[in-house]
Amino acid sequence: MDMLLMGLCMSLIGIAVTALAFAAATHPKSPAATIQPQIPSVKPAAVPARFFSDRVASPLLPPPQVPIEVLLQQIENHVRLEQAAAESFVAFPTNAQLHSKTTSSFLN
């Protein structure tokens, strides 16, 4: 019975401490405590135009336009190479041929 009463008293003390901490955390502060001291305004120093250097970066030029016919030809060539690789693997499947690099300019 003594152990039960000791546990009950310790629980009540814990709840009281928790309630006091919660009340202190949620209690609005007094107006005098919220007044912040006035900090005199300081003019910012002259900042250079660039952070790392004064050199002006040249504008980026757009990439050159490639005609659509050239792109279509590259894609058709890639497809032909991949089909030829698949046909040769089907004809003679080996582990080395399965893991070999492609000869196409496009990478998978």
PDB file of N, CA and C in Angstrom:
ATOM      1  N   MET A   1       0.832  -1.194   0.000  1.00  0.00           N
ATOM      2  CA  MET A   1       0.000   0.000   0.000  1.00  0.00           C
ATOM      3  C   MET A   1       0.871   1.250   0.000  1.00  0.00           C
ATOM      4  N   ASP A   2       2.005   1.168   0.704  1.00  0.00           N
ATOM      5  CA  ASP A   2       2.898   2.322   0.737  1.00  0.00           C
ATOM      6  C   ASP A   2       3.453   2.631  -0.654  1.00  0.00           C
ATOM      7  N   MET A   3       3.743   1.600  -1.409  1.00  0.00           N
ATOM      8  CA  MET A   3       4.275   1.807  -2.761  1.00  0.00           C
ATOM      9  C   MET A   3       3.227   2.461  -3.660  1.00  0.00           C
ATOM     10  N   LEU A   4       1.968   2.070  -3.484  1.00  0.00           N
ATOM     11  CA  LEU A   4       0.892   2.649  -4.287  1.00  0.00           C
ATOM     12  C   LEU A   4       0.722   4.131  -3.973  1.00  0.00           C
ATOM     13  N   LEU A   5       0.739   4.489  -2.719  1.00  0.00           N
ATOM     14  CA  LEU A   5       0.618   5.901  -2.333  1.00  0.00           C
ATOM     15  C   LEU A   5       1.826   6.703  -2.807  1.00  0.00           C
ATOM     16  N   MET A   6       3.021   6.134  -2.750  1.00  0.00           N
ATOM     17  CA  MET A   6       4.221   6.815  -3.216  1.00  0.00           C
ATOM     18  C   MET A   6       4.113   7.074  -4.719  1.00  0.00           C
ATOM     19  N   GLY A   7       3.678   6.095  -5.484  1.00  0.00           N
ATOM     20  CA  GLY A   7       3.515   6.262  -6.936  1.00  0.00           C
ATOM     21  C   GLY A   7       2.457   7.297  -7.264  1.00  0.00           C
ATOM     22  N   LEU A   8       1.359   7.318  -6.517  1.00  0.00           N
ATOM     23  CA  LEU A   8       0.292   8.296  -6.732  1.00  0.00           C
ATOM     24  C   LEU A   8       0.778   9.709  -6.438  1.00  0.00           C
ATOM     25  N   CYS A   9       1.523   9.893  -5.357  1.00  0.00           N
ATOM     26  CA  CYS A   9       2.059  11.219  -5.018  1.00  0.00           C
ATOM     27  C   CYS A   9       3.068  11.698  -6.070  1.00  0.00           C
ATOM     28  N   MET A  10       3.924  10.826  -6.534  1.00  0.00           N
ATOM     29  CA  MET A  10       4.907  11.205  -7.549  1.00  0.00           C
ATOM     30  C   MET A  10       4.205  11.571  -8.867  1.00  0.00           C
ATOM     31  N   SER A  11       3.125  10.855  -9.182  1.00  0.00           N
ATOM     32  CA  SER A  11       2.377  11.165 -10.400  1.00  0.00           C
ATOM     33  C   SER A  11       1.717  12.528 -10.297  1.00  0.00           C
ATOM     34  N   LEU A  12       1.142  12.827  -9.143  1.00  0.00           N
ATOM     35  CA  LEU A  12       0.498  14.125  -8.948  1.00  0.00           C
ATOM     36  C   LEU A  12       1.515  15.264  -9.009  1.00  0.00           C
ATOM     37  N   ILE A  13       2.671  15.049  -8.428  1.00  0.00           N
ATOM     38  CA  ILE A  13       3.724  16.078  -8.493  1.00  0.00           C
ATOM     39  C   ILE A  13       4.165  16.280  -9.954  1.00  0.00           C
ATOM     40  N   GLY A  14       4.293  15.211 -10.696  1.00  0.00           N
ATOM     41  CA  GLY A  14       4.669  15.316 -12.111  1.00  0.00           C
ATOM     42  C   GLY A  14       3.627  16.054 -12.928  1.00  0.00           C
ATOM     43  N   ILE A  15       2.363  15.780 -12.682  1.00  0.00           N
ATOM     44  CA  ILE A  15       1.287  16.469 -13.395  1.00  0.00           C
ATOM     45  C   ILE A  15       1.285  17.949 -13.034  1.00  0.00           C
ATOM     46  N   ALA A  16       1.516  18.292 -11.765  1.00  0.00           N
ATOM     47  CA  ALA A  16       1.536  19.693 -11.344  1.00  0.00           C
ATOM     48  C   ALA A  16       2.690  20.442 -12.015  1.00  0.00           C
ATOM     49  N   VAL A  17       3.868  19.828 -12.067  1.00  0.00           N
ATOM     50  CA  VAL A  17       5.014  20.475 -12.714  1.00  0.00           C
ATOM     51  C   VAL A  17       4.738  20.669 -14.206  1.00  0.00           C
ATOM     52  N   THR A  18       4.141  19.676 -14.837  1.00  0.00           N
ATOM     53  CA  THR A  18       3.814  19.775 -16.258  1.00  0.00           C
ATOM     54  C   THR A  18       2.787  20.870 -16.504  1.00  0.00           C
ATOM     55  N   ALA A  19       1.785  20.980 -15.663  1.00  0.00           N
ATOM     56  CA  ALA A  19       0.765  22.024 -15.812  1.00  0.00           C
ATOM     57  C   ALA A  19       1.374  23.409 -15.638  1.00  0.00           C
ATOM     58  N   LEU A  20       2.290  23.566 -14.667  1.00  0.00           N
ATOM     59  CA  LEU A  20       2.944  24.869 -14.466  1.00  0.00           C
ATOM     60  C   LEU A  20       3.809  25.238 -15.676  1.00  0.00           C
ATOM     61  N   ALA A  21       4.518  24.275 -16.218  1.00  0.00           N
ATOM     62  CA  ALA A  21       5.347  24.544 -17.393  1.00  0.00           C
ATOM     63  C   ALA A  21       4.480  24.901 -18.596  1.00  0.00           C
ATOM     64  N   PHE A  22       3.365  24.228 -18.774  1.00  0.00           N
ATOM     65  CA  PHE A  22       2.472  24.534 -19.881  1.00  0.00           C
ATOM     66  C   PHE A  22       1.858  25.916 -19.718  1.00  0.00           C
ATOM     67  N   ALA A  23       1.458  26.261 -18.500  1.00  0.00           N
ATOM     68  CA  ALA A  23       0.874  27.584 -18.246  1.00  0.00           C
ATOM     69  C   ALA A  23       1.906  28.686 -18.504  1.00  0.00           C
ATOM     70  N   ALA A  24       3.153  28.453 -18.113  1.00  0.00           N
ATOM     71  CA  ALA A  24       4.187  29.463 -18.331  1.00  0.00           C
ATOM     72  C   ALA A  24       4.495  29.623 -19.819  1.00  0.00           C
ATOM     73  N   ALA A  25       4.396  28.555 -20.563  1.00  0.00           N
ATOM     74  CA  ALA A  25       4.709  28.631 -21.989  1.00  0.00           C
ATOM     75  C   ALA A  25       3.599  29.284 -22.790  1.00  0.00           C
ATOM     76  N   THR A  26       2.351  29.141 -22.360  1.00  0.00           N
ATOM     77  CA  THR A  26       1.233  29.684 -23.129  1.00  0.00           C
ATOM     78  C   THR A  26       0.726  31.008 -22.590  1.00  0.00           C
ATOM     79  N   HIS A  27       1.244  31.465 -21.484  1.00  0.00           N
ATOM     80  CA  HIS A  27       0.782  32.712 -20.890  1.00  0.00           C
ATOM     81  C   HIS A  27       1.281  33.892 -21.717  1.00  0.00           C
ATOM     82  N   PRO A  28       0.387  34.848 -22.066  1.00  0.00           N
ATOM     83  CA  PRO A  28       0.849  36.009 -22.844  1.00  0.00           C
ATOM     84  C   PRO A  28       1.799  36.865 -22.005  1.00  0.00           C
ATOM     85  N   LYS A  29       2.786  37.418 -22.670  1.00  0.00           N
ATOM     86  CA  LYS A  29       3.778  38.226 -21.959  1.00  0.00           C
ATOM     87  C   LYS A  29       3.199  39.606 -21.658  1.00  0.00           C
ATOM     88  N   SER A  30       3.744  40.237 -20.666  1.00  0.00           N
ATOM     89  CA  SER A  30       3.281  41.584 -20.313  1.00  0.00           C
ATOM     90  C   SER A  30       3.770  42.566 -21.375  1.00  0.00           C
ATOM     91  N   PRO A  31       3.059  43.698 -21.565  1.00  0.00           N
ATOM     92  CA  PRO A  31       3.468  44.667 -22.581  1.00  0.00           C
ATOM     93  C   PRO A  31       4.862  45.244 -22.327  1.00  0.00           C
ATOM     94  N   ALA A  32       5.275  45.378 -21.078  1.00  0.00           N
ATOM     95  CA  ALA A  32       6.586  45.940 -20.776  1.00  0.00           C
ATOM     96  C   ALA A  32       7.701  44.983 -21.227  1.00  0.00           C
ATOM     97  N   ALA A  33       7.429  43.694 -21.218  1.00  0.00           N
ATOM     98  CA  ALA A  33       8.450  42.727 -21.591  1.00  0.00           C
ATOM     99  C   ALA A  33       8.614  42.633 -23.108  1.00  0.00           C
ATOM    100  N   THR A  34       7.576  43.048 -23.864  1.00  0.00           N
ATOM    101  CA  THR A  34       7.651  42.933 -25.318  1.00  0.00           C
ATOM    102  C   THR A  34       8.303  44.141 -25.980  1.00  0.00           C
ATOM    103  N   ILE A  35       8.518  45.219 -25.248  1.00  0.00           N
ATOM    104  CA  ILE A  35       9.151  46.409 -25.829  1.00  0.00           C
ATOM    105  C   ILE A  35      10.621  46.112 -26.062  1.00  0.00           C
ATOM    106  N   GLN A  36      11.055  46.314 -27.294  1.00  0.00           N
ATOM    107  CA  GLN A  36      12.447  46.069 -27.624  1.00  0.00           C
ATOM    108  C   GLN A  36      13.199  47.398 -27.641  1.00  0.00           C
ATOM    109  N   PRO A  37      14.454  47.374 -27.260  1.00  0.00           N
ATOM    110  CA  PRO A  37      15.222  48.612 -27.269  1.00  0.00           C
ATOM    111  C   PRO A  37      15.409  49.112 -28.701  1.00  0.00           C
ATOM    112  N   GLN A  38      15.470  50.428 -28.844  1.00  0.00           N
ATOM    113  CA  GLN A  38      15.660  51.044 -30.156  1.00  0.00           C
ATOM    114  C   GLN A  38      17.113  50.912 -30.578  1.00  0.00           C
ATOM    115  N   ILE A  39      17.317  50.401 -31.777  1.00  0.00           N
ATOM    116  CA  ILE A  39      18.665  50.271 -32.324  1.00  0.00           C
ATOM    117  C   ILE A  39      18.835  51.387 -33.340  1.00  0.00           C
ATOM    118  N   PRO A  40      19.898  52.181 -33.194  1.00  0.00           N
ATOM    119  CA  PRO A  40      20.075  53.262 -34.158  1.00  0.00           C
ATOM    120  C   PRO A  40      20.293  52.690 -35.555  1.00  0.00           C
ATOM    121  N   SER A  41      19.689  53.363 -36.547  1.00  0.00           N
ATOM    122  CA  SER A  41      19.811  52.869 -37.916  1.00  0.00           C
ATOM    123  C   SER A  41      21.208  53.174 -38.450  1.00  0.00           C
ATOM    124  N   VAL A  42      21.751  52.200 -39.130  1.00  0.00           N
ATOM    125  CA  VAL A  42      23.088  52.323 -39.698  1.00  0.00           C
ATOM    126  C   VAL A  42      22.947  52.268 -41.207  1.00  0.00           C
ATOM    127  N   LYS A  43      23.590  53.194 -41.903  1.00  0.00           N
ATOM    128  CA  LYS A  43      23.529  53.193 -43.359  1.00  0.00           C
ATOM    129  C   LYS A  43      24.389  52.050 -43.877  1.00  0.00           C
ATOM    130  N   PRO A  44      23.878  51.316 -44.858  1.00  0.00           N
ATOM    131  CA  PRO A  44      24.684  50.220 -45.399  1.00  0.00           C
ATOM    132  C   PRO A  44      25.887  50.768 -46.166  1.00  0.00           C
ATOM    133  N   ALA A  45      26.959  50.029 -46.106  1.00  0.00           N
ATOM    134  CA  ALA A  45      28.172  50.423 -46.815  1.00  0.00           C
ATOM    135  C   ALA A  45      27.949  50.269 -48.312  1.00  0.00           C
ATOM    136  N   ALA A  46      28.735  50.962 -49.070  1.00  0.00           N
ATOM    137  CA  ALA A  46      28.629  50.883 -50.519  1.00  0.00           C
ATOM    138  C   ALA A  46      28.973  49.457 -50.963  1.00  0.00           C
ATOM    139  N   VAL A  47      28.039  48.829 -51.643  1.00  0.00           N
ATOM    140  CA  VAL A  47      28.202  47.458 -52.071  1.00  0.00           C
ATOM    141  C   VAL A  47      28.670  47.463 -53.526  1.00  0.00           C
ATOM    142  N   PRO A  48      29.702  46.694 -53.847  1.00  0.00           N
ATOM    143  CA  PRO A  48      30.125  46.661 -55.251  1.00  0.00           C
ATOM    144  C   PRO A  48      29.040  46.042 -56.125  1.00  0.00           C
ATOM    145  N   ALA A  49      29.132  46.294 -57.409  1.00  0.00           N
ATOM    146  CA  ALA A  49      28.116  45.821 -58.345  1.00  0.00           C
ATOM    147  C   ALA A  49      28.046  44.303 -58.380  1.00  0.00           C
ATOM    148  N   ARG A  50      29.156  43.637 -58.250  1.00  0.00           N
ATOM    149  CA  ARG A  50      29.201  42.177 -58.262  1.00  0.00           C
ATOM    150  C   ARG A  50      29.789  41.689 -56.945  1.00  0.00           C
ATOM    151  N   PHE A  51      29.328  40.527 -56.491  1.00  0.00           N
ATOM    152  CA  PHE A  51      29.822  40.003 -55.227  1.00  0.00           C
ATOM    153  C   PHE A  51      31.241  39.469 -55.375  1.00  0.00           C
ATOM    154  N   PHE A  52      31.498  38.688 -56.450  1.00  0.00           N
ATOM    155  CA  PHE A  52      32.799  38.063 -56.599  1.00  0.00           C
ATOM    156  C   PHE A  52      33.758  38.898 -57.435  1.00  0.00           C
ATOM    157  N   SER A  53      33.261  39.614 -58.427  1.00  0.00           N
ATOM    158  CA  SER A  53      34.142  40.430 -59.259  1.00  0.00           C
ATOM    159  C   SER A  53      33.337  41.545 -59.894  1.00  0.00           C
ATOM    160  N   ASP A  54      34.041  42.529 -60.402  1.00  0.00           N
ATOM    161  CA  ASP A  54      33.384  43.645 -61.074  1.00  0.00           C
ATOM    162  C   ASP A  54      33.172  43.355 -62.554  1.00  0.00           C
ATOM    163  N   ARG A  55      33.690  42.248 -63.012  1.00  0.00           N
ATOM    164  CA  ARG A  55      33.575  41.887 -64.418  1.00  0.00           C
ATOM    165  C   ARG A  55      32.128  41.515 -64.734  1.00  0.00           C
ATOM    166  N   VAL A  56      31.619  41.981 -65.851  1.00  0.00           N
ATOM    167  CA  VAL A  56      30.251  41.682 -66.263  1.00  0.00           C
ATOM    168  C   VAL A  56      30.269  40.401 -67.081  1.00  0.00           C
ATOM    169  N   ALA A  57      29.397  39.483 -66.732  1.00  0.00           N
ATOM    170  CA  ALA A  57      29.338  38.204 -67.431  1.00  0.00           C
ATOM    171  C   ALA A  57      28.688  38.394 -68.791  1.00  0.00           C
ATOM    172  N   SER A  58      29.214  37.695 -69.782  1.00  0.00           N
ATOM    173  CA  SER A  58      28.638  37.795 -71.115  1.00  0.00           C
ATOM    174  C   SER A  58      27.316  37.033 -71.130  1.00  0.00           C
ATOM    175  N   PRO A  59      26.338  37.537 -71.878  1.00  0.00           N
ATOM    176  CA  PRO A  59      25.049  36.834 -71.912  1.00  0.00           C
ATOM    177  C   PRO A  59      25.205  35.485 -72.605  1.00  0.00           C
ATOM    178  N   LEU A  60      24.455  34.518 -72.127  1.00  0.00           N
ATOM    179  CA  LEU A  60      24.513  33.179 -72.701  1.00  0.00           C
ATOM    180  C   LEU A  60      23.808  33.173 -74.046  1.00  0.00           C
ATOM    181  N   LEU A  61      24.475  32.614 -75.031  1.00  0.00           N
ATOM    182  CA  LEU A  61      23.882  32.512 -76.354  1.00  0.00           C
ATOM    183  C   LEU A  61      23.027  31.257 -76.420  1.00  0.00           C
ATOM    184  N   PRO A  62      21.893  31.333 -77.118  1.00  0.00           N
ATOM    185  CA  PRO A  62      21.070  30.131 -77.231  1.00  0.00           C
ATOM    186  C   PRO A  62      21.804  29.089 -78.068  1.00  0.00           C
ATOM    187  N   PRO A  63      21.562  27.818 -77.790  1.00  0.00           N
ATOM    188  CA  PRO A  63      22.243  26.769 -78.565  1.00  0.00           C
ATOM    189  C   PRO A  63      21.829  26.858 -80.034  1.00  0.00           C
ATOM    190  N   PRO A  64      22.715  26.480 -80.917  1.00  0.00           N
ATOM    191  CA  PRO A  64      22.368  26.559 -82.340  1.00  0.00           C
ATOM    192  C   PRO A  64      21.219  25.604 -82.669  1.00  0.00           C
ATOM    193  N   GLN A  65      20.369  26.055 -83.563  1.00  0.00           N
ATOM    194  CA  GLN A  65      19.219  25.245 -83.953  1.00  0.00           C
ATOM    195  C   GLN A  65      19.653  24.157 -84.930  1.00  0.00           C
ATOM    196  N   VAL A  66      19.237  22.940 -84.671  1.00  0.00           N
ATOM    197  CA  VAL A  66      19.555  21.807 -85.529  1.00  0.00           C
ATOM    198  C   VAL A  66      18.302  21.493 -86.338  1.00  0.00           C
ATOM    199  N   PRO A  67      18.449  21.330 -87.634  1.00  0.00           N
ATOM    200  CA  PRO A  67      17.257  21.007 -88.447  1.00  0.00           C
ATOM    201  C   PRO A  67      16.635  19.689 -88.010  1.00  0.00           C
ATOM    202  N   ILE A  68      15.331  19.608 -88.138  1.00  0.00           N
ATOM    203  CA  ILE A  68      14.596  18.424 -87.695  1.00  0.00           C
ATOM    204  C   ILE A  68      14.986  17.191 -88.507  1.00  0.00           C
ATOM    205  N   GLU A  69      15.374  17.396 -89.765  1.00  0.00           N
ATOM    206  CA  GLU A  69      15.770  16.262 -90.609  1.00  0.00           C
ATOM    207  C   GLU A  69      17.018  15.572 -90.045  1.00  0.00           C
ATOM    208  N   VAL A  70      17.948  16.361 -89.530  1.00  0.00           N
ATOM    209  CA  VAL A  70      19.174  15.798 -88.954  1.00  0.00           C
ATOM    210  C   VAL A  70      18.840  14.971 -87.715  1.00  0.00           C
ATOM    211  N   LEU A  71      17.957  15.482 -86.881  1.00  0.00           N
ATOM    212  CA  LEU A  71      17.552  14.739 -85.683  1.00  0.00           C
ATOM    213  C   LEU A  71      16.837  13.444 -86.046  1.00  0.00           C
ATOM    214  N   LEU A  72      15.953  13.512 -87.026  1.00  0.00           N
ATOM    215  CA  LEU A  72      15.249  12.296 -87.444  1.00  0.00           C
ATOM    216  C   LEU A  72      16.219  11.265 -88.009  1.00  0.00           C
ATOM    217  N   GLN A  73      17.216  11.708 -88.770  1.00  0.00           N
ATOM    218  CA  GLN A  73      18.206  10.782 -89.319  1.00  0.00           C
ATOM    219  C   GLN A  73      19.015  10.115 -88.204  1.00  0.00           C
ATOM    220  N   GLN A  74      19.388  10.883 -87.174  1.00  0.00           N
ATOM    221  CA  GLN A  74      20.133  10.306 -86.045  1.00  0.00           C
ATOM    222  C   GLN A  74      19.286   9.282 -85.299  1.00  0.00           C
ATOM    223  N   ILE A  75      18.006   9.559 -85.127  1.00  0.00           N
ATOM    224  CA  ILE A  75      17.125   8.623 -84.426  1.00  0.00           C
ATOM    225  C   ILE A  75      16.949   7.348 -85.248  1.00  0.00           C
ATOM    226  N   GLU A  76      16.762   7.496 -86.578  1.00  0.00           N
ATOM    227  CA  GLU A  76      16.616   6.316 -87.427  1.00  0.00           C
ATOM    228  C   GLU A  76      17.882   5.465 -87.400  1.00  0.00           C
ATOM    229  N   ASN A  77      19.046   6.093 -87.408  1.00  0.00           N
ATOM    230  CA  ASN A  77      20.311   5.365 -87.345  1.00  0.00           C
ATOM    231  C   ASN A  77      20.424   4.615 -86.012  1.00  0.00           C
ATOM    232  N   HIS A  78      20.032   5.248 -84.936  1.00  0.00           N
ATOM    233  CA  HIS A  78      20.070   4.621 -83.617  1.00  0.00           C
ATOM    234  C   HIS A  78      19.149   3.396 -83.585  1.00  0.00           C
ATOM    235  N   VAL A  79      17.954   3.551 -84.136  1.00  0.00           N
ATOM    236  CA  VAL A  79      17.003   2.437 -84.137  1.00  0.00           C
ATOM    237  C   VAL A  79      17.550   1.282 -84.961  1.00  0.00           C
ATOM    238  N   ARG A  80      18.148   1.577 -86.140  1.00  0.00           N
ATOM    239  CA  ARG A  80      18.728   0.520 -86.967  1.00  0.00           C
ATOM    240  C   ARG A  80      19.838  -0.220 -86.233  1.00  0.00           C
ATOM    241  N   LEU A  81      20.711   0.526 -85.538  1.00  0.00           N
ATOM    242  CA  LEU A  81      21.800  -0.124 -84.796  1.00  0.00           C
ATOM    243  C   LEU A  81      21.273  -0.996 -83.668  1.00  0.00           C
ATOM    244  N   GLU A  82      20.257  -0.529 -82.954  1.00  0.00           N
ATOM    245  CA  GLU A  82      19.683  -1.309 -81.857  1.00  0.00           C
ATOM    246  C   GLU A  82      18.985  -2.558 -82.388  1.00  0.00           C
ATOM    247  N   GLN A  83      18.286  -2.449 -83.526  1.00  0.00           N
ATOM    248  CA  GLN A  83      17.640  -3.627 -84.101  1.00  0.00           C
ATOM    249  C   GLN A  83      18.669  -4.643 -84.569  1.00  0.00           C
ATOM    250  N   ALA A  84      19.774  -4.168 -85.162  1.00  0.00           N
ATOM    251  CA  ALA A  84      20.824  -5.088 -85.602  1.00  0.00           C
ATOM    252  C   ALA A  84      21.453  -5.789 -84.406  1.00  0.00           C
ATOM    253  N   ALA A  85      21.656  -5.070 -83.297  1.00  0.00           N
ATOM    254  CA  ALA A  85      22.228  -5.687 -82.091  1.00  0.00           C
ATOM    255  C   ALA A  85      21.273  -6.728 -81.516  1.00  0.00           C
ATOM    256  N   ALA A  86      19.983  -6.425 -81.539  1.00  0.00           N
ATOM    257  CA  ALA A  86      18.998  -7.379 -81.018  1.00  0.00           C
ATOM    258  C   ALA A  86      18.929  -8.628 -81.888  1.00  0.00           C
ATOM    259  N   GLU A  87      18.968  -8.456 -83.211  1.00  0.00           N
ATOM    260  CA  GLU A  87      18.927  -9.609 -84.115  1.00  0.00           C
ATOM    261  C   GLU A  87      20.164 -10.489 -83.947  1.00  0.00           C
ATOM    262  N   SER A  88      21.338  -9.877 -83.787  1.00  0.00           N
ATOM    263  CA  SER A  88      22.548 -10.682 -83.611  1.00  0.00           C
ATOM    264  C   SER A  88      22.530 -11.402 -82.265  1.00  0.00           C
ATOM    265  N   PHE A  89      21.929 -10.811 -81.249  1.00  0.00           N
ATOM    266  CA  PHE A  89      21.838 -11.487 -79.953  1.00  0.00           C
ATOM    267  C   PHE A  89      20.875 -12.663 -80.027  1.00  0.00           C
ATOM    268  N   VAL A  90      19.763 -12.473 -80.763  1.00  0.00           N
ATOM    269  CA  VAL A  90      18.788 -13.563 -80.894  1.00  0.00           C
ATOM    270  C   VAL A  90      19.404 -14.719 -81.679  1.00  0.00           C
ATOM    271  N   ALA A  91      20.217 -14.367 -82.693  1.00  0.00           N
ATOM    272  CA  ALA A  91      20.829 -15.415 -83.506  1.00  0.00           C
ATOM    273  C   ALA A  91      21.895 -16.191 -82.730  1.00  0.00           C
ATOM    274  N   PHE A  92      22.687 -15.484 -81.936  1.00  0.00           N
ATOM    275  CA  PHE A  92      23.773 -16.132 -81.196  1.00  0.00           C
ATOM    276  C   PHE A  92      23.900 -15.482 -79.814  1.00  0.00           C
ATOM    277  N   PRO A  93      23.066 -15.898 -78.841  1.00  0.00           N
ATOM    278  CA  PRO A  93      23.076 -15.244 -77.518  1.00  0.00           C
ATOM    279  C   PRO A  93      24.283 -15.662 -76.677  1.00  0.00           C
ATOM    280  N   THR A  94      25.032 -14.644 -76.220  1.00  0.00           N
ATOM    281  CA  THR A  94      26.131 -14.879 -75.283  1.00  0.00           C
ATOM    282  C   THR A  94      26.051 -13.837 -74.178  1.00  0.00           C
ATOM    283  N   ASN A  95      26.678 -14.154 -73.079  1.00  0.00           N
ATOM    284  CA  ASN A  95      26.686 -13.232 -71.950  1.00  0.00           C
ATOM    285  C   ASN A  95      27.473 -11.962 -72.286  1.00  0.00           C
ATOM    286  N   ALA A  96      28.584 -12.099 -72.989  1.00  0.00           N
ATOM    287  CA  ALA A  96      29.405 -10.945 -73.354  1.00  0.00           C
ATOM    288  C   ALA A  96      28.654 -10.024 -74.305  1.00  0.00           C
ATOM    289  N   GLN A  97      27.903 -10.610 -75.239  1.00  0.00           N
ATOM    290  CA  GLN A  97      27.154  -9.797 -76.186  1.00  0.00           C
ATOM    291  C   GLN A  97      25.992  -9.083 -75.491  1.00  0.00           C
ATOM    292  N   LEU A  98      25.440  -9.695 -74.481  1.00  0.00           N
ATOM    293  CA  LEU A  98      24.337  -9.085 -73.747  1.00  0.00           C
ATOM    294  C   LEU A  98      24.789  -7.838 -73.001  1.00  0.00           C
ATOM    295  N   HIS A  99      26.006  -7.865 -72.461  1.00  0.00           N
ATOM    296  CA  HIS A  99      26.500  -6.747 -71.651  1.00  0.00           C
ATOM    297  C   HIS A  99      27.464  -5.845 -72.409  1.00  0.00           C
ATOM    298  N   SER A 100      27.518  -5.933 -73.720  1.00  0.00           N
ATOM    299  CA  SER A 100      28.442  -5.080 -74.485  1.00  0.00           C
ATOM    300  C   SER A 100      27.847  -3.694 -74.657  1.00  0.00           C
ATOM    301  N   LYS A 101      28.731  -2.714 -74.895  1.00  0.00           N
ATOM    302  CA  LYS A 101      28.304  -1.325 -75.086  1.00  0.00           C
ATOM    303  C   LYS A 101      27.738  -1.171 -76.487  1.00  0.00           C
ATOM    304  N   THR A 102      26.869  -0.199 -76.638  1.00  0.00           N
ATOM    305  CA  THR A 102      26.271   0.064 -77.934  1.00  0.00           C
ATOM    306  C   THR A 102      27.207   0.904 -78.800  1.00  0.00           C
ATOM    307  N   THR A 103      27.065   0.783 -80.115  1.00  0.00           N
ATOM    308  CA  THR A 103      27.888   1.593 -81.025  1.00  0.00           C
ATOM    309  C   THR A 103      27.159   2.855 -81.432  1.00  0.00           C
ATOM    310  N   SER A 104      25.946   3.040 -80.943  1.00  0.00           N
ATOM    311  CA  SER A 104      25.165   4.218 -81.287  1.00  0.00           C
ATOM    312  C   SER A 104      25.695   5.433 -80.548  1.00  0.00           C
ATOM    313  N   SER A 105      25.463   6.613 -81.161  1.00  0.00           N
ATOM    314  CA  SER A 105      25.890   7.851 -80.489  1.00  0.00           C
ATOM    315  C   SER A 105      24.976   8.201 -79.324  1.00  0.00           C
ATOM    316  N   PHE A 106      23.739   7.683 -79.352  1.00  0.00           N
ATOM    317  CA  PHE A 106      22.830   7.877 -78.231  1.00  0.00           C
ATOM    318  C   PHE A 106      23.121   6.821 -77.183  1.00  0.00           C
ATOM    319  N   LEU A 107      23.165   7.224 -75.939  1.00  0.00           N
ATOM    320  CA  LEU A 107      23.441   6.269 -74.869  1.00  0.00           C
ATOM    321  C   LEU A 107      22.150   5.927 -74.162  1.00  0.00           C
ATOM    322  N   ASN A 108      21.988   4.669 -73.817  1.00  0.00           N
ATOM    323  CA  ASN A 108      20.788   4.231 -73.105  1.00  0.00           C
ATOM    324  C   ASN A 108      20.981   4.404 -71.631  1.00  0.00           C
TER     325      ASN A 108
END
